[in-house]
Amino acid sequence: PTPFAFGAPEFQPAAILSLCIVMLVLMTESSAGMLALGEICDRRADARVITRGLRTDGLATLVGPVFGGFPTSAFAQNVGVVSLTRVRSRYVVAVAGATLLVLGAFPVLGAVVSLVPMPVLGGAGIVLFGSIAVSGIRTLSEAGLDDSSNIILVAVALGAGIIPLAAPTFYAEFPAWAQTVLGSGISAGAIVAVALNLFFHHLGTRSRTAAPALKSS
């Protein structure tokens, strides 16, 4: 890899704003991955763990484009690998990362990996993505779905997240910045979930009625 192969970096306000939105999307995805991984490893990811993970993502995103890469985030499929293999050692992760660095520096070695048949990768992908979905369902089961407002929140957020996959041209007539945000199911679902959570649980009559009980406790 050649540093700055595409030329010296430029700092354009519109591009910076767009990439900030993209980074929010990646941070949302990484946070979800860390929470799911904490559930699998029986070690809940608290604010400190998520903060350190996002800082690592930011550092990787800063270094990656120097060598022609893209913004980097925690790869959700790896959460499925941990769930299937039950291998939780950080040393295994470190060795795997070093192996990827070697494969990236020597394309001939990377070509050997590409010889793995696609049906094999497809079969493994079904199990990996399915395990990620199960982890998400297990997390949702603790979200108090006996409350009707929470059911509406989850339903609408899931619907917003599925729209970019089910109808890729749904946002075709929207402004470019809106397509950047809403074109990703993760970001669209996260924005809807946060907005509805604020509406249902932090604004209006519910927040006013909950305040005295919180104060008395």
C-alpha atoms as a PDB file:
ATOM      1  CA  PRO A   1       0.000   0.000   0.000  1.00  0.00           C
ATOM      2  CA  THR A   2       1.250   3.440  -0.998  1.00  0.00           C
ATOM      3  CA  PRO A   3       0.558   6.342   1.386  1.00  0.00           C
ATOM      4  CA  PHE A   4      -1.624   9.058  -0.180  1.00  0.00           C
ATOM      5  CA  ALA A   5      -1.835   7.174  -3.478  1.00  0.00           C
ATOM      6  CA  PHE A   6      -4.771   9.360  -4.541  1.00  0.00           C
ATOM      7  CA  GLY A   7      -3.025  12.643  -3.757  1.00  0.00           C
ATOM      8  CA  ALA A   8      -2.723  14.975  -0.790  1.00  0.00           C
ATOM      9  CA  PRO A   9      -5.775  15.306   1.480  1.00  0.00           C
ATOM     10  CA  GLU A  10      -8.226  18.133   0.873  1.00  0.00           C
ATOM     11  CA  PHE A  11     -10.485  19.719   3.461  1.00  0.00           C
ATOM     12  CA  GLN A  12     -13.840  20.665   1.972  1.00  0.00           C
ATOM     13  CA  PRO A  13     -16.709  21.625   4.323  1.00  0.00           C
ATOM     14  CA  ALA A  14     -19.370  19.619   2.453  1.00  0.00           C
ATOM     15  CA  ALA A  15     -17.211  16.499   2.392  1.00  0.00           C
ATOM     16  CA  ILE A  16     -16.309  16.913   6.067  1.00  0.00           C
ATOM     17  CA  LEU A  17     -19.988  17.198   7.023  1.00  0.00           C
ATOM     18  CA  SER A  18     -20.880  14.106   4.984  1.00  0.00           C
ATOM     19  CA  LEU A  19     -18.107  12.070   6.536  1.00  0.00           C
ATOM     20  CA  CYS A  20     -19.130  13.190  10.019  1.00  0.00           C
ATOM     21  CA  ILE A  21     -22.556  11.721   9.307  1.00  0.00           C
ATOM     22  CA  VAL A  22     -20.945   8.542   8.013  1.00  0.00           C
ATOM     23  CA  MET A  23     -18.862   8.316  11.182  1.00  0.00           C
ATOM     24  CA  LEU A  24     -22.004   8.595  13.304  1.00  0.00           C
ATOM     25  CA  VAL A  25     -23.388   5.653  11.354  1.00  0.00           C
ATOM     26  CA  LEU A  26     -20.219   3.629  11.924  1.00  0.00           C
ATOM     27  CA  MET A  27     -20.168   4.539  15.610  1.00  0.00           C
ATOM     28  CA  THR A  28     -23.755   3.330  15.939  1.00  0.00           C
ATOM     29  CA  GLU A  29     -22.875   0.036  14.265  1.00  0.00           C
ATOM     30  CA  SER A  30     -19.751  -0.411  16.380  1.00  0.00           C
ATOM     31  CA  SER A  31     -21.635   0.330  19.595  1.00  0.00           C
ATOM     32  CA  ALA A  32     -24.260  -2.278  18.722  1.00  0.00           C
ATOM     33  CA  GLY A  33     -21.510  -4.803  17.991  1.00  0.00           C
ATOM     34  CA  MET A  34     -19.799  -4.153  21.308  1.00  0.00           C
ATOM     35  CA  LEU A  35     -23.078  -4.495  23.216  1.00  0.00           C
ATOM     36  CA  ALA A  36     -23.828  -7.792  21.455  1.00  0.00           C
ATOM     37  CA  LEU A  37     -20.306  -9.044  22.099  1.00  0.00           C
ATOM     38  CA  GLY A  38     -20.650  -8.176  25.768  1.00  0.00           C
ATOM     39  CA  GLU A  39     -23.807 -10.288  25.949  1.00  0.00           C
ATOM     40  CA  ILE A  40     -22.036 -13.243  24.320  1.00  0.00           C
ATOM     41  CA  CYS A  41     -18.989 -13.004  26.569  1.00  0.00           C
ATOM     42  CA  ASP A  42     -21.033 -12.490  29.761  1.00  0.00           C
ATOM     43  CA  ARG A  43     -19.263  -9.186  30.266  1.00  0.00           C
ATOM     44  CA  ARG A  44     -21.566  -6.252  29.725  1.00  0.00           C
ATOM     45  CA  ALA A  45     -20.097  -3.408  27.698  1.00  0.00           C
ATOM     46  CA  ASP A  46     -20.357  -0.324  29.902  1.00  0.00           C
ATOM     47  CA  ALA A  47     -19.764   3.282  28.887  1.00  0.00           C
ATOM     48  CA  ARG A  48     -16.005   2.976  29.468  1.00  0.00           C
ATOM     49  CA  VAL A  49     -15.663  -0.046  27.179  1.00  0.00           C
ATOM     50  CA  ILE A  50     -17.746   1.516  24.403  1.00  0.00           C
ATOM     51  CA  THR A  51     -15.799   4.786  24.662  1.00  0.00           C
ATOM     52  CA  ARG A  52     -12.470   2.979  24.296  1.00  0.00           C
ATOM     53  CA  GLY A  53     -13.824   0.951  21.395  1.00  0.00           C
ATOM     54  CA  LEU A  54     -15.030   4.046  19.556  1.00  0.00           C
ATOM     55  CA  ARG A  55     -11.659   5.729  20.102  1.00  0.00           C
ATOM     56  CA  THR A  56      -9.995   2.710  18.507  1.00  0.00           C
ATOM     57  CA  ASP A  57     -12.402   2.918  15.574  1.00  0.00           C
ATOM     58  CA  GLY A  58     -11.573   6.605  15.207  1.00  0.00           C
ATOM     59  CA  LEU A  59      -7.833   5.918  15.186  1.00  0.00           C
ATOM     60  CA  ALA A  60      -8.234   3.183  12.569  1.00  0.00           C
ATOM     61  CA  THR A  61     -10.425   5.483  10.484  1.00  0.00           C
ATOM     62  CA  LEU A  62      -7.754   8.174  10.677  1.00  0.00           C
ATOM     63  CA  VAL A  63      -4.918   5.861   9.598  1.00  0.00           C
ATOM     64  CA  GLY A  64      -6.831   3.776   7.027  1.00  0.00           C
ATOM     65  CA  PRO A  65      -7.408   6.475   4.374  1.00  0.00           C
ATOM     66  CA  VAL A  66      -3.709   7.318   4.391  1.00  0.00           C
ATOM     67  CA  PHE A  67      -3.223   3.949   2.676  1.00  0.00           C
ATOM     68  CA  GLY A  68      -6.296   4.190   0.448  1.00  0.00           C
ATOM     69  CA  GLY A  69      -8.697   2.507   2.841  1.00  0.00           C
ATOM     70  CA  PHE A  70     -12.184   3.399   4.021  1.00  0.00           C
ATOM     71  CA  PRO A  71     -13.579   4.431   7.397  1.00  0.00           C
ATOM     72  CA  THR A  72     -13.217   1.445   9.685  1.00  0.00           C
ATOM     73  CA  SER A  73     -15.661  -0.013  12.163  1.00  0.00           C
ATOM     74  CA  ALA A  74     -16.042  -3.195  14.168  1.00  0.00           C
ATOM     75  CA  PHE A  75     -17.101  -5.946  11.764  1.00  0.00           C
ATOM     76  CA  ALA A  76     -20.455  -7.318  12.903  1.00  0.00           C
ATOM     77  CA  GLN A  77     -19.816 -10.741  11.375  1.00  0.00           C
ATOM     78  CA  ASN A  78     -16.991 -11.262  13.847  1.00  0.00           C
ATOM     79  CA  VAL A  79     -19.545 -11.079  16.637  1.00  0.00           C
ATOM     80  CA  GLY A  80     -21.209 -14.080  15.029  1.00  0.00           C
ATOM     81  CA  VAL A  81     -17.872 -15.887  14.857  1.00  0.00           C
ATOM     82  CA  VAL A  82     -17.371 -15.427  18.606  1.00  0.00           C
ATOM     83  CA  SER A  83     -20.903 -16.670  19.262  1.00  0.00           C
ATOM     84  CA  LEU A  84     -20.349 -19.808  17.181  1.00  0.00           C
ATOM     85  CA  THR A  85     -16.820 -20.743  18.216  1.00  0.00           C
ATOM     86  CA  ARG A  86     -16.981 -19.472  21.822  1.00  0.00           C
ATOM     87  CA  VAL A  87     -13.377 -18.334  21.396  1.00  0.00           C
ATOM     88  CA  ARG A  88     -13.141 -15.158  23.478  1.00  0.00           C
ATOM     89  CA  SER A  89      -9.376 -14.715  23.792  1.00  0.00           C
ATOM     90  CA  ARG A  90      -8.038 -11.315  22.767  1.00  0.00           C
ATOM     91  CA  TYR A  91      -4.784 -12.996  21.758  1.00  0.00           C
ATOM     92  CA  VAL A  92      -6.613 -14.884  19.027  1.00  0.00           C
ATOM     93  CA  VAL A  93      -7.949 -11.555  17.766  1.00  0.00           C
ATOM     94  CA  ALA A  94      -4.437 -10.074  17.798  1.00  0.00           C
ATOM     95  CA  VAL A  95      -3.005 -12.986  15.790  1.00  0.00           C
ATOM     96  CA  ALA A  96      -5.875 -12.739  13.302  1.00  0.00           C
ATOM     97  CA  GLY A  97      -5.231  -9.002  12.914  1.00  0.00           C
ATOM     98  CA  ALA A  98      -1.520  -9.600  12.290  1.00  0.00           C
ATOM     99  CA  THR A  99      -2.436 -12.228   9.684  1.00  0.00           C
ATOM    100  CA  LEU A 100      -4.677  -9.750   7.874  1.00  0.00           C
ATOM    101  CA  LEU A 101      -1.849  -7.193   7.842  1.00  0.00           C
ATOM    102  CA  VAL A 102       0.442  -9.738   6.195  1.00  0.00           C
ATOM    103  CA  LEU A 103      -2.240 -10.662   3.641  1.00  0.00           C
ATOM    104  CA  GLY A 104      -2.763  -6.992   2.844  1.00  0.00           C
ATOM    105  CA  ALA A 105       0.945  -6.347   2.348  1.00  0.00           C
ATOM    106  CA  PHE A 106       1.422  -9.377   0.067  1.00  0.00           C
ATOM    107  CA  PRO A 107      -1.391  -9.671  -2.521  1.00  0.00           C
ATOM    108  CA  VAL A 108      -0.207 -13.134  -3.587  1.00  0.00           C
ATOM    109  CA  LEU A 109      -1.107 -14.511  -0.171  1.00  0.00           C
ATOM    110  CA  GLY A 110      -4.465 -12.760  -0.310  1.00  0.00           C
ATOM    111  CA  ALA A 111      -5.180 -14.480  -3.641  1.00  0.00           C
ATOM    112  CA  VAL A 112      -4.870 -17.850  -1.914  1.00  0.00           C
ATOM    113  CA  VAL A 113      -7.701 -16.924   0.443  1.00  0.00           C
ATOM    114  CA  SER A 114      -9.895 -16.045  -2.538  1.00  0.00           C
ATOM    115  CA  LEU A 115      -9.762 -19.721  -3.590  1.00  0.00           C
ATOM    116  CA  VAL A 116     -12.297 -20.595  -0.883  1.00  0.00           C
ATOM    117  CA  PRO A 117     -15.494 -21.620  -2.753  1.00  0.00           C
ATOM    118  CA  MET A 118     -18.311 -19.070  -2.607  1.00  0.00           C
ATOM    119  CA  PRO A 119     -20.897 -21.673  -1.452  1.00  0.00           C
ATOM    120  CA  VAL A 120     -18.733 -22.299   1.602  1.00  0.00           C
ATOM    121  CA  LEU A 121     -18.583 -18.597   2.400  1.00  0.00           C
ATOM    122  CA  GLY A 122     -22.321 -18.273   1.757  1.00  0.00           C
ATOM    123  CA  GLY A 123     -23.195 -21.106   4.130  1.00  0.00           C
ATOM    124  CA  ALA A 124     -20.975 -19.650   6.843  1.00  0.00           C
ATOM    125  CA  GLY A 125     -22.496 -16.207   6.237  1.00  0.00           C
ATOM    126  CA  ILE A 126     -26.030 -17.472   6.837  1.00  0.00           C
ATOM    127  CA  VAL A 127     -25.036 -18.852  10.234  1.00  0.00           C
ATOM    128  CA  LEU A 128     -23.019 -15.751  11.152  1.00  0.00           C
ATOM    129  CA  PHE A 129     -25.731 -13.241  10.273  1.00  0.00           C
ATOM    130  CA  GLY A 130     -28.352 -15.429  11.918  1.00  0.00           C
ATOM    131  CA  SER A 131     -26.376 -15.512  15.154  1.00  0.00           C
ATOM    132  CA  ILE A 132     -26.093 -11.716  15.087  1.00  0.00           C
ATOM    133  CA  ALA A 133     -29.865 -11.452  14.687  1.00  0.00           C
ATOM    134  CA  VAL A 134     -30.378 -13.801  17.646  1.00  0.00           C
ATOM    135  CA  SER A 135     -28.068 -11.648  19.782  1.00  0.00           C
ATOM    136  CA  GLY A 136     -30.130  -8.605  18.858  1.00  0.00           C
ATOM    137  CA  ILE A 137     -33.370 -10.374  19.721  1.00  0.00           C
ATOM    138  CA  ARG A 138     -31.939 -11.406  23.070  1.00  0.00           C
ATOM    139  CA  THR A 139     -31.008  -7.786  23.776  1.00  0.00           C
ATOM    140  CA  LEU A 140     -34.474  -6.584  22.759  1.00  0.00           C
ATOM    141  CA  SER A 141     -36.055  -9.059  25.163  1.00  0.00           C
ATOM    142  CA  GLU A 142     -34.660  -6.950  28.018  1.00  0.00           C
ATOM    143  CA  ALA A 143     -36.089  -3.678  26.649  1.00  0.00           C
ATOM    144  CA  GLY A 144     -39.426  -3.856  28.456  1.00  0.00           C
ATOM    145  CA  LEU A 145     -41.594  -4.861  25.505  1.00  0.00           C
ATOM    146  CA  ASP A 146     -44.599  -5.254  27.786  1.00  0.00           C
ATOM    147  CA  ASP A 147     -44.977  -1.472  27.386  1.00  0.00           C
ATOM    148  CA  SER A 148     -46.970  -0.577  24.267  1.00  0.00           C
ATOM    149  CA  SER A 149     -44.834   2.503  23.602  1.00  0.00           C
ATOM    150  CA  ASN A 150     -41.701   0.355  23.499  1.00  0.00           C
ATOM    151  CA  ILE A 151     -43.391  -2.032  21.069  1.00  0.00           C
ATOM    152  CA  ILE A 152     -44.220   0.888  18.764  1.00  0.00           C
ATOM    153  CA  LEU A 153     -40.674   2.200  19.116  1.00  0.00           C
ATOM    154  CA  VAL A 154     -39.074  -1.097  18.145  1.00  0.00           C
ATOM    155  CA  ALA A 155     -41.546  -1.749  15.320  1.00  0.00           C
ATOM    156  CA  VAL A 156     -41.096   1.642  13.667  1.00  0.00           C
ATOM    157  CA  ALA A 157     -37.306   1.562  14.098  1.00  0.00           C
ATOM    158  CA  LEU A 158     -37.114  -1.890  12.502  1.00  0.00           C
ATOM    159  CA  GLY A 159     -39.338  -0.741   9.650  1.00  0.00           C
ATOM    160  CA  ALA A 160     -37.145   2.308   9.035  1.00  0.00           C
ATOM    161  CA  GLY A 161     -34.068   0.092   9.034  1.00  0.00           C
ATOM    162  CA  ILE A 162     -35.546  -2.366   6.541  1.00  0.00           C
ATOM    163  CA  ILE A 163     -36.663   0.286   4.010  1.00  0.00           C
ATOM    164  CA  PRO A 164     -33.174   0.797   2.423  1.00  0.00           C
ATOM    165  CA  LEU A 165     -32.885  -2.969   1.914  1.00  0.00           C
ATOM    166  CA  ALA A 166     -36.417  -3.658   0.704  1.00  0.00           C
ATOM    167  CA  ALA A 167     -36.709  -0.527  -1.474  1.00  0.00           C
ATOM    168  CA  PRO A 168     -33.223   0.804  -2.370  1.00  0.00           C
ATOM    169  CA  THR A 169     -34.696   3.665  -4.445  1.00  0.00           C
ATOM    170  CA  PHE A 170     -37.099   4.831  -1.727  1.00  0.00           C
ATOM    171  CA  TYR A 171     -34.967   7.892  -0.906  1.00  0.00           C
ATOM    172  CA  ALA A 172     -33.874   8.598  -4.497  1.00  0.00           C
ATOM    173  CA  GLU A 173     -35.637  11.991  -4.594  1.00  0.00           C
ATOM    174  CA  PHE A 174     -34.324  13.119  -1.211  1.00  0.00           C
ATOM    175  CA  PRO A 175     -31.379  15.563  -0.906  1.00  0.00           C
ATOM    176  CA  ALA A 176     -27.907  14.051  -1.035  1.00  0.00           C
ATOM    177  CA  TRP A 177     -27.283  14.562   2.688  1.00  0.00           C
ATOM    178  CA  ALA A 178     -30.554  12.833   3.551  1.00  0.00           C
ATOM    179  CA  GLN A 179     -29.688   9.891   1.303  1.00  0.00           C
ATOM    180  CA  THR A 180     -26.347   9.559   3.091  1.00  0.00           C
ATOM    181  CA  VAL A 181     -28.086   9.271   6.466  1.00  0.00           C
ATOM    182  CA  LEU A 182     -31.264   7.397   5.568  1.00  0.00           C
ATOM    183  CA  GLY A 183     -29.675   5.166   2.914  1.00  0.00           C
ATOM    184  CA  SER A 184     -28.161   3.027   5.667  1.00  0.00           C
ATOM    185  CA  GLY A 185     -30.628   0.885   7.563  1.00  0.00           C
ATOM    186  CA  ILE A 186     -28.474   1.084  10.683  1.00  0.00           C
ATOM    187  CA  SER A 187     -28.424   4.881  10.788  1.00  0.00           C
ATOM    188  CA  ALA A 188     -32.082   5.253   9.816  1.00  0.00           C
ATOM    189  CA  GLY A 189     -33.212   2.765  12.455  1.00  0.00           C
ATOM    190  CA  ALA A 190     -30.979   4.314  15.101  1.00  0.00           C
ATOM    191  CA  ILE A 191     -32.239   7.844  14.408  1.00  0.00           C
ATOM    192  CA  VAL A 192     -35.878   6.739  14.544  1.00  0.00           C
ATOM    193  CA  ALA A 193     -35.287   4.764  17.744  1.00  0.00           C
ATOM    194  CA  VAL A 194     -33.581   7.703  19.485  1.00  0.00           C
ATOM    195  CA  ALA A 195     -36.236  10.181  18.328  1.00  0.00           C
ATOM    196  CA  LEU A 196     -39.136   7.981  19.459  1.00  0.00           C
ATOM    197  CA  ASN A 197     -37.409   7.220  22.743  1.00  0.00           C
ATOM    198  CA  LEU A 198     -37.114  10.943  23.418  1.00  0.00           C
ATOM    199  CA  PHE A 199     -40.744  11.474  22.443  1.00  0.00           C
ATOM    200  CA  PHE A 200     -42.191   8.605  24.474  1.00  0.00           C
ATOM    201  CA  HIS A 201     -39.977   8.644  27.562  1.00  0.00           C
ATOM    202  CA  HIS A 202     -38.435  12.095  27.963  1.00  0.00           C
ATOM    203  CA  LEU A 203     -40.999  14.576  26.620  1.00  0.00           C
ATOM    204  CA  GLY A 204     -44.625  15.336  27.353  1.00  0.00           C
ATOM    205  CA  THR A 205     -46.810  14.000  30.137  1.00  0.00           C
ATOM    206  CA  ARG A 206     -44.789  10.850  30.781  1.00  0.00           C
ATOM    207  CA  SER A 207     -41.660  12.762  31.783  1.00  0.00           C
ATOM    208  CA  ARG A 208     -43.719  15.062  34.041  1.00  0.00           C
ATOM    209  CA  THR A 209     -45.492  12.188  35.774  1.00  0.00           C
ATOM    210  CA  ALA A 210     -42.273  10.220  36.175  1.00  0.00           C
ATOM    211  CA  ALA A 211     -40.386  13.140  37.754  1.00  0.00           C
ATOM    212  CA  PRO A 212     -42.066  13.019  41.222  1.00  0.00           C
ATOM    213  CA  ALA A 213     -41.569   9.248  41.524  1.00  0.00           C
ATOM    214  CA  LEU A 214     -37.917   9.608  40.603  1.00  0.00           C
ATOM    215  CA  LYS A 215     -37.463  12.409  43.123  1.00  0.00           C
ATOM    216  CA  SER A 216     -39.152  10.498  45.934  1.00  0.00           C
ATOM    217  CA  SER A 217     -37.052   7.423  45.310  1.00  0.00           C
END
